[in-house]
């Protein structure tokens, strides 16, 4: 499977896991907490596979950046948390950085001829 697909899976499970962690209310609602742990477990397995082909700094930046932005939006809409215009602007900057990393990152197989030259 493509490393970027593994990264997308990791991001999806991280977002769900973080949302469940918030819904667990400090593990007062144990099933939400256990669901969060399960999501993070799957997330880290998928992330480890993504690290095989995507440079760790890029993969981690994309994983955390997309996760931060998605959780901020979920917090705003689902958990009714306030976000200022300035905070929204900073979230957009994170997304611009993630897009820039994606556009400028090549997989090791693409760079292998450059590295041996």
PDB file of N, CA and C in Angstrom:
ATOM      1  N   UNK A   1       0.851  -1.178   0.000  1.00  0.00           N
ATOM      2  CA  UNK A   1       0.000   0.000   0.000  1.00  0.00           C
ATOM      3  C   UNK A   1       0.896   1.241   0.000  1.00  0.00           C
ATOM      4  N   UNK A   2       0.460   2.290  -0.625  1.00  0.00           N
ATOM      5  CA  UNK A   2       1.180   3.547  -0.712  1.00  0.00           C
ATOM      6  C   UNK A   2       1.344   4.160   0.681  1.00  0.00           C
ATOM      7  N   UNK A   3       2.529   4.695   0.954  1.00  0.00           N
ATOM      8  CA  UNK A   3       2.821   5.281   2.265  1.00  0.00           C
ATOM      9  C   UNK A   3       1.891   6.445   2.594  1.00  0.00           C
ATOM     10  N   UNK A   4       1.486   7.198   1.571  1.00  0.00           N
ATOM     11  CA  UNK A   4       0.582   8.326   1.827  1.00  0.00           C
ATOM     12  C   UNK A   4      -0.800   7.841   2.243  1.00  0.00           C
ATOM     13  N   UNK A   5      -1.198   6.670   1.786  1.00  0.00           N
ATOM     14  CA  UNK A   5      -2.469   6.091   2.230  1.00  0.00           C
ATOM     15  C   UNK A   5      -2.364   5.699   3.697  1.00  0.00           C
ATOM     16  N   UNK A   6      -1.226   5.091   4.074  1.00  0.00           N
ATOM     17  CA  UNK A   6      -1.006   4.780   5.488  1.00  0.00           C
ATOM     18  C   UNK A   6      -1.036   6.051   6.333  1.00  0.00           C
ATOM     19  N   UNK A   7      -0.451   7.115   5.820  1.00  0.00           N
ATOM     20  CA  UNK A   7      -0.463   8.377   6.554  1.00  0.00           C
ATOM     21  C   UNK A   7      -1.884   8.914   6.689  1.00  0.00           C
ATOM     22  N   UNK A   8      -2.674   8.806   5.629  1.00  0.00           N
ATOM     23  CA  UNK A   8      -4.077   9.257   5.694  1.00  0.00           C
ATOM     24  C   UNK A   8      -4.866   8.434   6.714  1.00  0.00           C
ATOM     25  N   UNK A   9      -4.612   7.133   6.750  1.00  0.00           N
ATOM     26  CA  UNK A   9      -5.276   6.266   7.741  1.00  0.00           C
ATOM     27  C   UNK A   9      -4.876   6.699   9.146  1.00  0.00           C
ATOM     28  N   UNK A  10      -3.581   6.957   9.342  1.00  0.00           N
ATOM     29  CA  UNK A  10      -3.097   7.399  10.650  1.00  0.00           C
ATOM     30  C   UNK A  10      -3.756   8.711  11.066  1.00  0.00           C
ATOM     31  N   UNK A  11      -3.875   9.631  10.135  1.00  0.00           N
ATOM     32  CA  UNK A  11      -4.508  10.922  10.422  1.00  0.00           C
ATOM     33  C   UNK A  11      -5.973  10.713  10.807  1.00  0.00           C
ATOM     34  N   UNK A  12      -6.676   9.896  10.036  1.00  0.00           N
ATOM     35  CA  UNK A  12      -8.094   9.648  10.328  1.00  0.00           C
ATOM     36  C   UNK A  12      -8.302   9.062  11.712  1.00  0.00           C
ATOM     37  N   UNK A  13      -7.498   8.059  12.069  1.00  0.00           N
ATOM     38  CA  UNK A  13      -7.651   7.439  13.384  1.00  0.00           C
ATOM     39  C   UNK A  13      -7.192   8.369  14.501  1.00  0.00           C
ATOM     40  N   UNK A  14      -6.215   9.213  14.233  1.00  0.00           N
ATOM     41  CA  UNK A  14      -5.794  10.189  15.246  1.00  0.00           C
ATOM     42  C   UNK A  14      -6.909  11.193  15.512  1.00  0.00           C
ATOM     43  N   UNK A  15      -7.586  11.630  14.481  1.00  0.00           N
ATOM     44  CA  UNK A  15      -8.679  12.593  14.633  1.00  0.00           C
ATOM     45  C   UNK A  15      -9.833  11.970  15.415  1.00  0.00           C
ATOM     46  N   UNK A  16     -10.208  10.748  15.039  1.00  0.00           N
ATOM     47  CA  UNK A  16     -11.294  10.068  15.758  1.00  0.00           C
ATOM     48  C   UNK A  16     -10.870   9.795  17.199  1.00  0.00           C
ATOM     49  N   UNK A  17      -9.625   9.341  17.396  1.00  0.00           N
ATOM     50  CA  UNK A  17      -9.144   9.045  18.748  1.00  0.00           C
ATOM     51  C   UNK A  17      -9.137  10.269  19.640  1.00  0.00           C
ATOM     52  N   UNK A  18      -8.711  11.400  19.110  1.00  0.00           N
ATOM     53  CA  UNK A  18      -8.698  12.633  19.899  1.00  0.00           C
ATOM     54  C   UNK A  18     -10.118  13.096  20.218  1.00  0.00           C
ATOM     55  N   UNK A  19     -11.018  12.966  19.260  1.00  0.00           N
ATOM     56  CA  UNK A  19     -12.418  13.334  19.503  1.00  0.00           C
ATOM     57  C   UNK A  19     -13.038  12.440  20.578  1.00  0.00           C
ATOM     58  N   UNK A  20     -12.739  11.148  20.511  1.00  0.00           N
ATOM     59  CA  UNK A  20     -13.245  10.231  21.534  1.00  0.00           C
ATOM     60  C   UNK A  20     -12.644  10.531  22.904  1.00  0.00           C
ATOM     61  N   UNK A  21     -11.374  10.932  22.921  1.00  0.00           N
ATOM     62  CA  UNK A  21     -10.731  11.279  24.183  1.00  0.00           C
ATOM     63  C   UNK A  21     -11.432  12.472  24.828  1.00  0.00           C
ATOM     64  N   UNK A  22     -11.785  13.468  24.031  1.00  0.00           N
ATOM     65  CA  UNK A  22     -12.544  14.615  24.543  1.00  0.00           C
ATOM     66  C   UNK A  22     -13.922  14.158  25.026  1.00  0.00           C
ATOM     67  N   UNK A  23     -14.577  13.303  24.253  1.00  0.00           N
ATOM     68  CA  UNK A  23     -15.909  12.814  24.624  1.00  0.00           C
ATOM     69  C   UNK A  23     -15.880  11.937  25.877  1.00  0.00           C
ATOM     70  N   UNK A  24     -14.714  11.357  26.182  1.00  0.00           N
ATOM     71  CA  UNK A  24     -14.611  10.494  27.365  1.00  0.00           C
ATOM     72  C   UNK A  24     -14.700  11.280  28.665  1.00  0.00           C
ATOM     73  N   UNK A  25     -14.526  12.598  28.586  1.00  0.00           N
ATOM     74  CA  UNK A  25     -14.615  13.461  29.751  1.00  0.00           C
ATOM     75  C   UNK A  25     -13.646  13.006  30.844  1.00  0.00           C
ATOM     76  N   UNK A  26     -12.377  12.894  30.468  1.00  0.00           N
ATOM     77  CA  UNK A  26     -11.362  12.479  31.434  1.00  0.00           C
ATOM     78  C   UNK A  26     -11.516  11.025  31.852  1.00  0.00           C
ATOM     79  N   UNK A  27     -11.961  10.191  30.931  1.00  0.00           N
ATOM     80  CA  UNK A  27     -12.200   8.759  31.128  1.00  0.00           C
ATOM     81  C   UNK A  27     -13.357   8.482  32.097  1.00  0.00           C
ATOM     82  N   UNK A  28     -14.198   9.499  32.360  1.00  0.00           N
ATOM     83  CA  UNK A  28     -15.431   9.250  33.120  1.00  0.00           C
ATOM     84  C   UNK A  28     -16.381   8.385  32.303  1.00  0.00           C
ATOM     85  N   UNK A  29     -16.308   8.522  30.993  1.00  0.00           N
ATOM     86  CA  UNK A  29     -17.109   7.696  30.079  1.00  0.00           C
ATOM     87  C   UNK A  29     -16.135   6.696  29.450  1.00  0.00           C
ATOM     88  N   UNK A  30     -15.953   5.583  30.138  1.00  0.00           N
ATOM     89  CA  UNK A  30     -14.874   4.643  29.869  1.00  0.00           C
ATOM     90  C   UNK A  30     -14.873   4.112  28.436  1.00  0.00           C
ATOM     91  N   UNK A  31     -16.042   3.875  27.852  1.00  0.00           N
ATOM     92  CA  UNK A  31     -16.076   3.301  26.505  1.00  0.00           C
ATOM     93  C   UNK A  31     -15.514   4.257  25.474  1.00  0.00           C
ATOM     94  N   UNK A  32     -15.757   5.539  25.665  1.00  0.00           N
ATOM     95  CA  UNK A  32     -15.150   6.525  24.772  1.00  0.00           C
ATOM     96  C   UNK A  32     -13.632   6.532  24.958  1.00  0.00           C
ATOM     97  N   UNK A  33     -13.189   6.436  26.185  1.00  0.00           N
ATOM     98  CA  UNK A  33     -11.757   6.389  26.460  1.00  0.00           C
ATOM     99  C   UNK A  33     -11.096   5.169  25.854  1.00  0.00           C
ATOM    100  N   UNK A  34     -11.718   4.018  25.995  1.00  0.00           N
ATOM    101  CA  UNK A  34     -11.170   2.797  25.408  1.00  0.00           C
ATOM    102  C   UNK A  34     -11.180   2.863  23.884  1.00  0.00           C
ATOM    103  N   UNK A  35     -12.221   3.466  23.325  1.00  0.00           N
ATOM    104  CA  UNK A  35     -12.263   3.668  21.876  1.00  0.00           C
ATOM    105  C   UNK A  35     -11.125   4.561  21.416  1.00  0.00           C
ATOM    106  N   UNK A  36     -10.814   5.573  22.223  1.00  0.00           N
ATOM    107  CA  UNK A  36      -9.705   6.466  21.912  1.00  0.00           C
ATOM    108  C   UNK A  36      -8.380   5.713  21.891  1.00  0.00           C
ATOM    109  N   UNK A  37      -8.164   4.861  22.884  1.00  0.00           N
ATOM    110  CA  UNK A  37      -6.932   4.069  22.939  1.00  0.00           C
ATOM    111  C   UNK A  37      -6.827   3.161  21.721  1.00  0.00           C
ATOM    112  N   UNK A  38      -7.924   2.528  21.334  1.00  0.00           N
ATOM    113  CA  UNK A  38      -7.918   1.649  20.158  1.00  0.00           C
ATOM    114  C   UNK A  38      -7.592   2.436  18.893  1.00  0.00           C
ATOM    115  N   UNK A  39      -8.170   3.630  18.773  1.00  0.00           N
ATOM    116  CA  UNK A  39      -7.892   4.458  17.584  1.00  0.00           C
ATOM    117  C   UNK A  39      -6.431   4.879  17.528  1.00  0.00           C
ATOM    118  N   UNK A  40      -5.878   5.271  18.671  1.00  0.00           N
ATOM    119  CA  UNK A  40      -4.473   5.654  18.687  1.00  0.00           C
ATOM    120  C   UNK A  40      -3.562   4.466  18.377  1.00  0.00           C
ATOM    121  N   UNK A  41      -3.921   3.287  18.837  1.00  0.00           N
ATOM    122  CA  UNK A  41      -3.139   2.087  18.543  1.00  0.00           C
ATOM    123  C   UNK A  41      -3.076   1.857  17.028  1.00  0.00           C
ATOM    124  N   UNK A  42      -4.235   1.913  16.371  1.00  0.00           N
ATOM    125  CA  UNK A  42      -4.281   1.747  14.911  1.00  0.00           C
ATOM    126  C   UNK A  42      -3.527   2.891  14.226  1.00  0.00           C
ATOM    127  N   UNK A  43      -3.714   4.097  14.736  1.00  0.00           N
ATOM    128  CA  UNK A  43      -3.047   5.270  14.181  1.00  0.00           C
ATOM    129  C   UNK A  43      -1.538   5.086  14.159  1.00  0.00           C
ATOM    130  N   UNK A  44      -0.965   4.658  15.282  1.00  0.00           N
ATOM    131  CA  UNK A  44       0.493   4.548  15.361  1.00  0.00           C
ATOM    132  C   UNK A  44       1.030   3.395  14.522  1.00  0.00           C
ATOM    133  N   UNK A  45       0.246   2.344  14.364  1.00  0.00           N
ATOM    134  CA  UNK A  45       0.666   1.267  13.462  1.00  0.00           C
ATOM    135  C   UNK A  45       0.726   1.798  12.032  1.00  0.00           C
ATOM    136  N   UNK A  46      -0.328   2.489  11.599  1.00  0.00           N
ATOM    137  CA  UNK A  46      -0.344   3.046  10.244  1.00  0.00           C
ATOM    138  C   UNK A  46       0.770   4.074  10.066  1.00  0.00           C
ATOM    139  N   UNK A  47       0.996   4.902  11.079  1.00  0.00           N
ATOM    140  CA  UNK A  47       2.046   5.909  10.998  1.00  0.00           C
ATOM    141  C   UNK A  47       3.421   5.257  10.864  1.00  0.00           C
ATOM    142  N   UNK A  48       3.634   4.144  11.555  1.00  0.00           N
ATOM    143  CA  UNK A  48       4.923   3.459  11.445  1.00  0.00           C
ATOM    144  C   UNK A  48       5.164   2.939  10.029  1.00  0.00           C
ATOM    145  N   UNK A  49       4.105   2.488   9.358  1.00  0.00           N
ATOM    146  CA  UNK A  49       4.253   2.058   7.960  1.00  0.00           C
ATOM    147  C   UNK A  49       4.526   3.248   7.038  1.00  0.00           C
ATOM    148  N   UNK A  50       3.912   4.390   7.334  1.00  0.00           N
ATOM    149  CA  UNK A  50       4.167   5.584   6.523  1.00  0.00           C
ATOM    150  C   UNK A  50       5.623   6.019   6.645  1.00  0.00           C
ATOM    151  N   UNK A  51       6.207   5.853   7.850  1.00  0.00           N
ATOM    152  CA  UNK A  51       7.604   6.237   8.070  1.00  0.00           C
ATOM    153  C   UNK A  51       8.587   5.415   7.248  1.00  0.00           C
ATOM    154  N   UNK A  52       8.153   4.273   6.729  1.00  0.00           N
ATOM    155  CA  UNK A  52       9.057   3.453   5.917  1.00  0.00           C
ATOM    156  C   UNK A  52       9.449   4.158   4.619  1.00  0.00           C
ATOM    157  N   UNK A  53       8.551   4.980   4.081  1.00  0.00           N
ATOM    158  CA  UNK A  53       8.804   5.610   2.781  1.00  0.00           C
ATOM    159  C   UNK A  53       8.806   7.130   2.803  1.00  0.00           C
ATOM    160  N   UNK A  54       8.111   7.722   3.750  1.00  0.00           N
ATOM    161  CA  UNK A  54       8.046   9.183   3.826  1.00  0.00           C
ATOM    162  C   UNK A  54       9.036   9.623   4.901  1.00  0.00           C
ATOM    163  N   UNK A  55       9.845  10.635   4.624  1.00  0.00           N
ATOM    164  CA  UNK A  55      10.770  11.117   5.653  1.00  0.00           C
ATOM    165  C   UNK A  55      10.026  11.438   6.948  1.00  0.00           C
ATOM    166  N   UNK A  56      10.605  11.047   8.074  1.00  0.00           N
ATOM    167  CA  UNK A  56       9.911  11.150   9.354  1.00  0.00           C
ATOM    168  C   UNK A  56       9.468  12.583   9.668  1.00  0.00           C
ATOM    169  N   UNK A  57      10.311  13.562   9.372  1.00  0.00           N
ATOM    170  CA  UNK A  57       9.936  14.949   9.648  1.00  0.00           C
ATOM    171  C   UNK A  57       8.742  15.397   8.832  1.00  0.00           C
ATOM    172  N   UNK A  58       8.698  14.996   7.584  1.00  0.00           N
ATOM    173  CA  UNK A  58       7.580  15.355   6.707  1.00  0.00           C
ATOM    174  C   UNK A  58       6.319  14.624   7.147  1.00  0.00           C
ATOM    175  N   UNK A  59       6.427  13.319   7.368  1.00  0.00           N
ATOM    176  CA  UNK A  59       5.248  12.533   7.767  1.00  0.00           C
ATOM    177  C   UNK A  59       4.681  13.047   9.079  1.00  0.00           C
ATOM    178  N   UNK A  60       5.545  13.317  10.030  1.00  0.00           N
ATOM    179  CA  UNK A  60       5.067  13.790  11.333  1.00  0.00           C
ATOM    180  C   UNK A  60       4.456  15.186  11.216  1.00  0.00           C
ATOM    181  N   UNK A  61       5.060  16.043  10.416  1.00  0.00           N
ATOM    182  CA  UNK A  61       4.512  17.391  10.226  1.00  0.00           C
ATOM    183  C   UNK A  61       3.138  17.336   9.575  1.00  0.00           C
ATOM    184  N   UNK A  62       2.988  16.497   8.559  1.00  0.00           N
ATOM    185  CA  UNK A  62       1.688  16.358   7.890  1.00  0.00           C
ATOM    186  C   UNK A  62       0.677  15.760   8.855  1.00  0.00           C
ATOM    187  N   UNK A  63       1.069  14.690   9.555  1.00  0.00           N
ATOM    188  CA  UNK A  63       0.168  14.015  10.504  1.00  0.00           C
ATOM    189  C   UNK A  63      -0.306  14.984  11.580  1.00  0.00           C
ATOM    190  N   UNK A  64       0.618  15.686  12.184  1.00  0.00           N
ATOM    191  CA  UNK A  64       0.230  16.585  13.273  1.00  0.00           C
ATOM    192  C   UNK A  64      -0.489  17.829  12.746  1.00  0.00           C
ATOM    193  N   UNK A  65      -0.031  18.364  11.620  1.00  0.00           N
ATOM    194  CA  UNK A  65      -0.653  19.575  11.080  1.00  0.00           C
ATOM    195  C   UNK A  65      -2.092  19.368  10.659  1.00  0.00           C
ATOM    196  N   UNK A  66      -2.335  18.306   9.908  1.00  0.00           N
ATOM    197  CA  UNK A  66      -3.718  18.015   9.493  1.00  0.00           C
ATOM    198  C   UNK A  66      -4.563  17.673  10.721  1.00  0.00           C
ATOM    199  N   UNK A  67      -3.982  16.923  11.648  1.00  0.00           N
ATOM    200  CA  UNK A  67      -4.711  16.574  12.870  1.00  0.00           C
ATOM    201  C   UNK A  67      -5.092  17.800  13.681  1.00  0.00           C
ATOM    202  N   UNK A  68      -4.155  18.727  13.829  1.00  0.00           N
ATOM    203  CA  UNK A  68      -4.429  19.961  14.575  1.00  0.00           C
ATOM    204  C   UNK A  68      -5.569  20.739  13.932  1.00  0.00           C
ATOM    205  N   UNK A  69      -5.482  20.930  12.632  1.00  0.00           N
ATOM    206  CA  UNK A  69      -6.519  21.701  11.933  1.00  0.00           C
ATOM    207  C   UNK A  69      -7.873  21.002  12.013  1.00  0.00           C
ATOM    208  N   UNK A  70      -7.886  19.693  11.802  1.00  0.00           N
ATOM    209  CA  UNK A  70      -9.160  18.956  11.846  1.00  0.00           C
ATOM    210  C   UNK A  70      -9.772  18.975  13.233  1.00  0.00           C
ATOM    211  N   UNK A  71      -8.961  18.785  14.250  1.00  0.00           N
ATOM    212  CA  UNK A  71      -9.477  18.798  15.619  1.00  0.00           C
ATOM    213  C   UNK A  71      -9.984  20.184  15.995  1.00  0.00           C
ATOM    214  N   UNK A  72      -9.323  21.223  15.525  1.00  0.00           N
ATOM    215  CA  UNK A  72      -9.806  22.581  15.792  1.00  0.00           C
ATOM    216  C   UNK A  72     -11.192  22.789  15.196  1.00  0.00           C
ATOM    217  N   UNK A  73     -11.391  22.313  13.969  1.00  0.00           N
ATOM    218  CA  UNK A  73     -12.701  22.438  13.315  1.00  0.00           C
ATOM    219  C   UNK A  73     -13.742  21.588  14.059  1.00  0.00           C
ATOM    220  N   UNK A  74     -13.376  20.366  14.434  1.00  0.00           N
ATOM    221  CA  UNK A  74     -14.302  19.502  15.184  1.00  0.00           C
ATOM    222  C   UNK A  74     -14.636  20.136  16.524  1.00  0.00           C
ATOM    223  N   UNK A  75     -13.631  20.702  17.195  1.00  0.00           N
ATOM    224  CA  UNK A  75     -13.880  21.382  18.466  1.00  0.00           C
ATOM    225  C   UNK A  75     -14.848  22.535  18.306  1.00  0.00           C
ATOM    226  N   UNK A  76     -14.726  23.228  17.199  1.00  0.00           N
ATOM    227  CA  UNK A  76     -15.583  24.371  16.923  1.00  0.00           C
ATOM    228  C   UNK A  76     -17.017  23.935  16.654  1.00  0.00           C
ATOM    229  N   UNK A  77     -17.188  22.944  15.762  1.00  0.00           N
ATOM    230  CA  UNK A  77     -18.535  22.542  15.368  1.00  0.00           C
ATOM    231  C   UNK A  77     -19.185  21.545  16.325  1.00  0.00           C
ATOM    232  N   UNK A  78     -18.461  20.537  16.743  1.00  0.00           N
ATOM    233  CA  UNK A  78     -19.052  19.459  17.546  1.00  0.00           C
ATOM    234  C   UNK A  78     -19.093  19.815  19.029  1.00  0.00           C
ATOM    235  N   UNK A  79     -17.957  20.322  19.544  1.00  0.00           N
ATOM    236  CA  UNK A  79     -17.868  20.596  20.979  1.00  0.00           C
ATOM    237  C   UNK A  79     -18.167  22.052  21.323  1.00  0.00           C
ATOM    238  N   UNK A  80     -18.557  22.851  20.317  1.00  0.00           N
ATOM    239  CA  UNK A  80     -18.978  24.244  20.488  1.00  0.00           C
ATOM    240  C   UNK A  80     -17.929  25.112  21.176  1.00  0.00           C
ATOM    241  N   UNK A  81     -16.660  24.892  20.817  1.00  0.00           N
ATOM    242  CA  UNK A  81     -15.582  25.703  21.364  1.00  0.00           C
ATOM    243  C   UNK A  81     -15.347  26.893  20.448  1.00  0.00           C
ATOM    244  N   UNK A  82     -15.054  28.030  21.030  1.00  0.00           N
ATOM    245  CA  UNK A  82     -14.863  29.257  20.257  1.00  0.00           C
ATOM    246  C   UNK A  82     -13.487  29.282  19.598  1.00  0.00           C
ATOM    247  N   UNK A  83     -13.432  29.893  18.403  1.00  0.00           N
ATOM    248  CA  UNK A  83     -12.170  30.147  17.715  1.00  0.00           C
ATOM    249  C   UNK A  83     -12.231  31.549  17.139  1.00  0.00           C
ATOM    250  N   UNK A  84     -11.183  32.316  17.390  1.00  0.00           N
ATOM    251  CA  UNK A  84     -11.137  33.676  16.860  1.00  0.00           C
ATOM    252  C   UNK A  84     -10.674  33.659  15.399  1.00  0.00           C
ATOM    253  N   UNK A  85     -10.851  34.778  14.760  1.00  0.00           N
ATOM    254  CA  UNK A  85     -10.394  34.910  13.365  1.00  0.00           C
ATOM    255  C   UNK A  85      -8.883  34.716  13.281  1.00  0.00           C
ATOM    256  N   UNK A  86      -8.167  35.202  14.278  1.00  0.00           N
ATOM    257  CA  UNK A  86      -6.712  35.034  14.305  1.00  0.00           C
ATOM    258  C   UNK A  86      -6.345  33.551  14.406  1.00  0.00           C
ATOM    259  N   UNK A  87      -7.045  32.805  15.253  1.00  0.00           N
ATOM    260  CA  UNK A  87      -6.785  31.365  15.378  1.00  0.00           C
ATOM    261  C   UNK A  87      -7.080  30.639  14.064  1.00  0.00           C
ATOM    262  N   UNK A  88      -8.154  31.014  13.405  1.00  0.00           N
ATOM    263  CA  UNK A  88      -8.482  30.411  12.105  1.00  0.00           C
ATOM    264  C   UNK A  88      -7.373  30.709  11.100  1.00  0.00           C
ATOM    265  N   UNK A  89      -6.864  31.937  11.126  1.00  0.00           N
ATOM    266  CA  UNK A  89      -5.758  32.303  10.240  1.00  0.00           C
ATOM    267  C   UNK A  89      -4.526  31.445  10.480  1.00  0.00           C
ATOM    268  N   UNK A  90      -4.209  31.200  11.735  1.00  0.00           N
ATOM    269  CA  UNK A  90      -3.048  30.351  12.048  1.00  0.00           C
ATOM    270  C   UNK A  90      -3.282  28.907  11.624  1.00  0.00           C
ATOM    271  N   UNK A  91      -4.511  28.428  11.722  1.00  0.00           N
ATOM    272  CA  UNK A  91      -4.831  27.078  11.236  1.00  0.00           C
ATOM    273  C   UNK A  91      -4.609  26.993   9.721  1.00  0.00           C
ATOM    274  N   UNK A  92      -4.989  28.046   9.015  1.00  0.00           N
ATOM    275  CA  UNK A  92      -4.769  28.073   7.570  1.00  0.00           C
ATOM    276  C   UNK A  92      -3.276  28.062   7.242  1.00  0.00           C
ATOM    277  N   UNK A  93      -2.472  28.727   8.079  1.00  0.00           N
ATOM    278  CA  UNK A  93      -1.020  28.698   7.862  1.00  0.00           C
ATOM    279  C   UNK A  93      -0.470  27.280   8.037  1.00  0.00           C
ATOM    280  N   UNK A  94      -0.999  26.546   9.007  1.00  0.00           N
ATOM    281  CA  UNK A  94      -0.582  25.155   9.200  1.00  0.00           C
ATOM    282  C   UNK A  94      -0.894  24.351   7.940  1.00  0.00           C
ATOM    283  N   UNK A  95      -2.095  24.535   7.410  1.00  0.00           N
ATOM    284  CA  UNK A  95      -2.478  23.800   6.205  1.00  0.00           C
ATOM    285  C   UNK A  95      -1.618  24.176   5.004  1.00  0.00           C
ATOM    286  N   UNK A  96      -1.256  25.441   4.888  1.00  0.00           N
ATOM    287  CA  UNK A  96      -0.368  25.865   3.801  1.00  0.00           C
ATOM    288  C   UNK A  96       0.984  25.167   3.945  1.00  0.00           C
ATOM    289  N   UNK A  97       1.490  25.065   5.160  1.00  0.00           N
ATOM    290  CA  UNK A  97       2.747  24.364   5.396  1.00  0.00           C
ATOM    291  C   UNK A  97       2.659  22.891   5.035  1.00  0.00           C
ATOM    292  N   UNK A  98       1.555  22.251   5.385  1.00  0.00           N
ATOM    293  CA  UNK A  98       1.359  20.834   5.057  1.00  0.00           C
ATOM    294  C   UNK A  98       1.320  20.642   3.541  1.00  0.00           C
ATOM    295  N   UNK A  99       0.600  21.504   2.865  1.00  0.00           N
ATOM    296  CA  UNK A  99       0.529  21.411   1.400  1.00  0.00           C
ATOM    297  C   UNK A  99       1.913  21.625   0.794  1.00  0.00           C
ATOM    298  N   UNK A 100       2.652  22.606   1.304  1.00  0.00           N
ATOM    299  CA  UNK A 100       4.001  22.856   0.807  1.00  0.00           C
ATOM    300  C   UNK A 100       4.920  21.662   1.001  1.00  0.00           C
ATOM    301  N   UNK A 101       4.826  21.009   2.165  1.00  0.00           N
ATOM    302  CA  UNK A 101       5.636  19.811   2.401  1.00  0.00           C
ATOM    303  C   UNK A 101       5.280  18.705   1.413  1.00  0.00           C
ATOM    304  N   UNK A 102       3.992  18.514   1.182  1.00  0.00           N
ATOM    305  CA  UNK A 102       3.566  17.483   0.228  1.00  0.00           C
ATOM    306  C   UNK A 102       4.077  17.767  -1.178  1.00  0.00           C
ATOM    307  N   UNK A 103       4.041  19.008  -1.583  1.00  0.00           N
ATOM    308  CA  UNK A 103       4.457  19.357  -2.939  1.00  0.00           C
ATOM    309  C   UNK A 103       5.968  19.267  -3.146  1.00  0.00           C
ATOM    310  N   UNK A 104       6.721  19.350  -2.064  1.00  0.00           N
ATOM    311  CA  UNK A 104       8.178  19.365  -2.197  1.00  0.00           C
ATOM    312  C   UNK A 104       8.858  18.094  -1.703  1.00  0.00           C
ATOM    313  N   UNK A 105       8.082  17.076  -1.354  1.00  0.00           N
ATOM    314  CA  UNK A 105       8.648  15.834  -0.824  1.00  0.00           C
ATOM    315  C   UNK A 105       8.593  14.740  -1.877  1.00  0.00           C
ATOM    316  N   UNK A 106       9.712  14.068  -2.036  1.00  0.00           N
ATOM    317  CA  UNK A 106       9.811  12.938  -2.952  1.00  0.00           C
ATOM    318  C   UNK A 106      10.050  11.681  -2.129  1.00  0.00           C
ATOM    319  N   UNK A 107       9.489  10.568  -2.579  1.00  0.00           N
ATOM    320  CA  UNK A 107       9.704   9.305  -1.868  1.00  0.00           C
ATOM    321  C   UNK A 107      11.137   8.850  -2.083  1.00  0.00           C
ATOM    322  N   UNK A 108      11.662   7.989  -1.185  1.00  0.00           N
ATOM    323  CA  UNK A 108      13.048   7.519  -1.340  1.00  0.00           C
ATOM    324  C   UNK A 108      13.313   6.850  -2.684  1.00  0.00           C
ATOM    325  N   UNK A 109      12.315   6.191  -3.270  1.00  0.00           N
ATOM    326  CA  UNK A 109      12.534   5.544  -4.565  1.00  0.00           C
ATOM    327  C   UNK A 109      12.742   6.578  -5.662  1.00  0.00           C
ATOM    328  N   UNK A 110      12.106   7.743  -5.523  1.00  0.00           N
ATOM    329  CA  UNK A 110      12.287   8.805  -6.511  1.00  0.00           C
ATOM    330  C   UNK A 110      13.653   9.439  -6.350  1.00  0.00           C
ATOM    331  N   UNK A 111      14.189   9.494  -5.132  1.00  0.00           N
ATOM    332  CA  UNK A 111      15.474  10.137  -4.871  1.00  0.00           C
ATOM    333  C   UNK A 111      16.650   9.183  -4.996  1.00  0.00           C
ATOM    334  N   UNK A 112      16.408   7.891  -5.144  1.00  0.00           N
ATOM    335  CA  UNK A 112      17.501   6.923  -5.085  1.00  0.00           C
ATOM    336  C   UNK A 112      18.556   7.184  -6.156  1.00  0.00           C
ATOM    337  N   UNK A 113      18.181   7.611  -7.343  1.00  0.00           N
ATOM    338  CA  UNK A 113      19.166   7.862  -8.391  1.00  0.00           C
ATOM    339  C   UNK A 113      19.989   9.109  -8.065  1.00  0.00           C
ATOM    340  N   UNK A 114      19.355  10.084  -7.395  1.00  0.00           N
ATOM    341  CA  UNK A 114      20.076  11.296  -7.012  1.00  0.00           C
ATOM    342  C   UNK A 114      21.067  11.009  -5.900  1.00  0.00           C
ATOM    343  N   UNK A 115      20.695  10.135  -4.961  1.00  0.00           N
ATOM    344  CA  UNK A 115      21.544   9.851  -3.824  1.00  0.00           C
ATOM    345  C   UNK A 115      22.784   9.048  -4.225  1.00  0.00           C
ATOM    346  N   UNK A 116      22.679   8.227  -5.235  1.00  0.00           N
ATOM    347  CA  UNK A 116      23.814   7.411  -5.641  1.00  0.00           C
ATOM    348  C   UNK A 116      24.733   8.147  -6.607  1.00  0.00           C
ATOM    349  N   UNK A 117      24.274   9.266  -7.161  1.00  0.00           N
ATOM    350  CA  UNK A 117      25.084   9.997  -8.151  1.00  0.00           C
ATOM    351  C   UNK A 117      26.159  10.807  -7.492  1.00  0.00           C
TER     352      UNK A 117
END
